[in-house]
Amino acid sequence: MEFVSVSGRFLNPSFEAKLKLVFDIYDVDSDGSISENDIRGILSHIPLEVIVRIVIILDFVRNGRTS
């Protein structure tokens, strides 16, 4: 019964549970905050081409065009 209760939290998590999961993923050193080093650690695992696409999309969203 306990397994069903615990697994139910992962099958239909609340918004807060999802937010905590994402926060914990980005808080690489588990110090309770997301630092520049945490972000650098995450970004170091993303291919450069993907980062460039993200920057282009964010630029477009911000300015309505890419520069």
Protein backbone atom coordinates (compact mmCIF):
# COMPACT_ATOMS: atom_id res chain seq x y z
CA MET A 1 0.00 0.00 0.00
CA GLU A 2 2.86 2.37 0.80
CA PHE A 3 4.35 1.75 -2.67
CA VAL A 4 1.07 2.78 -4.28
CA SER A 5 0.93 5.93 -2.17
CA VAL A 6 4.53 6.93 -2.95
CA SER A 7 4.32 6.09 -6.65
CA GLY A 8 1.11 8.12 -6.93
CA ARG A 9 3.09 11.24 -6.08
CA PHE A 10 5.23 10.69 -9.16
CA LEU A 11 2.39 9.76 -11.51
CA ASN A 12 0.31 12.83 -10.74
CA PRO A 13 2.57 15.35 -8.96
CA SER A 14 1.33 18.70 -7.75
CA PHE A 15 2.66 21.92 -9.20
CA GLU A 16 4.76 22.41 -6.06
CA ALA A 17 6.28 18.92 -6.41
CA LYS A 18 7.13 19.59 -10.07
CA LEU A 19 8.65 22.96 -9.16
CA LYS A 20 10.75 21.39 -6.38
CA LEU A 21 11.96 18.68 -8.76
CA VAL A 22 13.07 21.26 -11.34
CA PHE A 23 14.70 23.38 -8.63
CA ASP A 24 16.56 20.34 -7.28
CA ILE A 25 17.80 19.49 -10.78
CA TYR A 26 19.26 22.97 -11.24
CA ASP A 27 20.61 23.20 -7.67
CA VAL A 28 23.52 20.97 -8.65
CA ASP A 29 25.46 21.38 -5.39
CA SER A 30 22.29 21.07 -3.22
CA ASP A 31 23.01 24.25 -1.26
CA GLY A 32 19.43 25.54 -1.48
CA SER A 33 20.07 28.12 -4.19
CA ILE A 34 20.72 28.12 -7.91
CA SER A 35 24.07 29.81 -8.42
CA GLU A 36 25.94 30.85 -11.53
CA ASN A 37 28.10 27.74 -11.11
CA ASP A 38 24.99 25.55 -11.01
CA ILE A 39 23.76 27.08 -14.28
CA ARG A 40 27.20 26.72 -15.85
CA GLY A 41 27.21 23.06 -14.84
CA ILE A 42 23.84 22.47 -16.49
CA LEU A 43 24.75 24.42 -19.63
CA SER A 44 28.03 22.52 -19.99
CA HIS A 45 25.98 19.40 -20.80
CA ILE A 46 23.91 21.07 -23.51
CA PRO A 47 25.33 21.10 -27.06
CA LEU A 48 26.37 24.57 -28.25
CA GLU A 49 23.96 24.40 -31.19
CA VAL A 50 21.03 24.05 -28.81
CA ILE A 51 22.20 26.98 -26.68
CA VAL A 52 22.52 29.15 -29.81
CA ARG A 53 18.95 28.23 -30.83
CA ILE A 54 17.67 29.08 -27.36
CA VAL A 55 19.41 32.48 -27.44
CA ILE A 56 17.94 33.21 -30.90
CA ILE A 57 14.44 32.28 -29.71
CA LEU A 58 14.76 34.39 -26.56
CA ASP A 59 16.05 37.31 -28.61
CA PHE A 60 13.06 37.00 -30.93
CA VAL A 61 10.60 36.78 -28.04
CA ARG A 62 12.17 39.83 -26.40
CA ASN A 63 12.55 42.03 -29.49
CA GLY A 64 10.13 40.57 -32.01
CA ARG A 65 13.12 39.87 -34.27
CA THR A 66 16.58 38.33 -34.13
CA SER A 67 19.64 40.52 -34.25
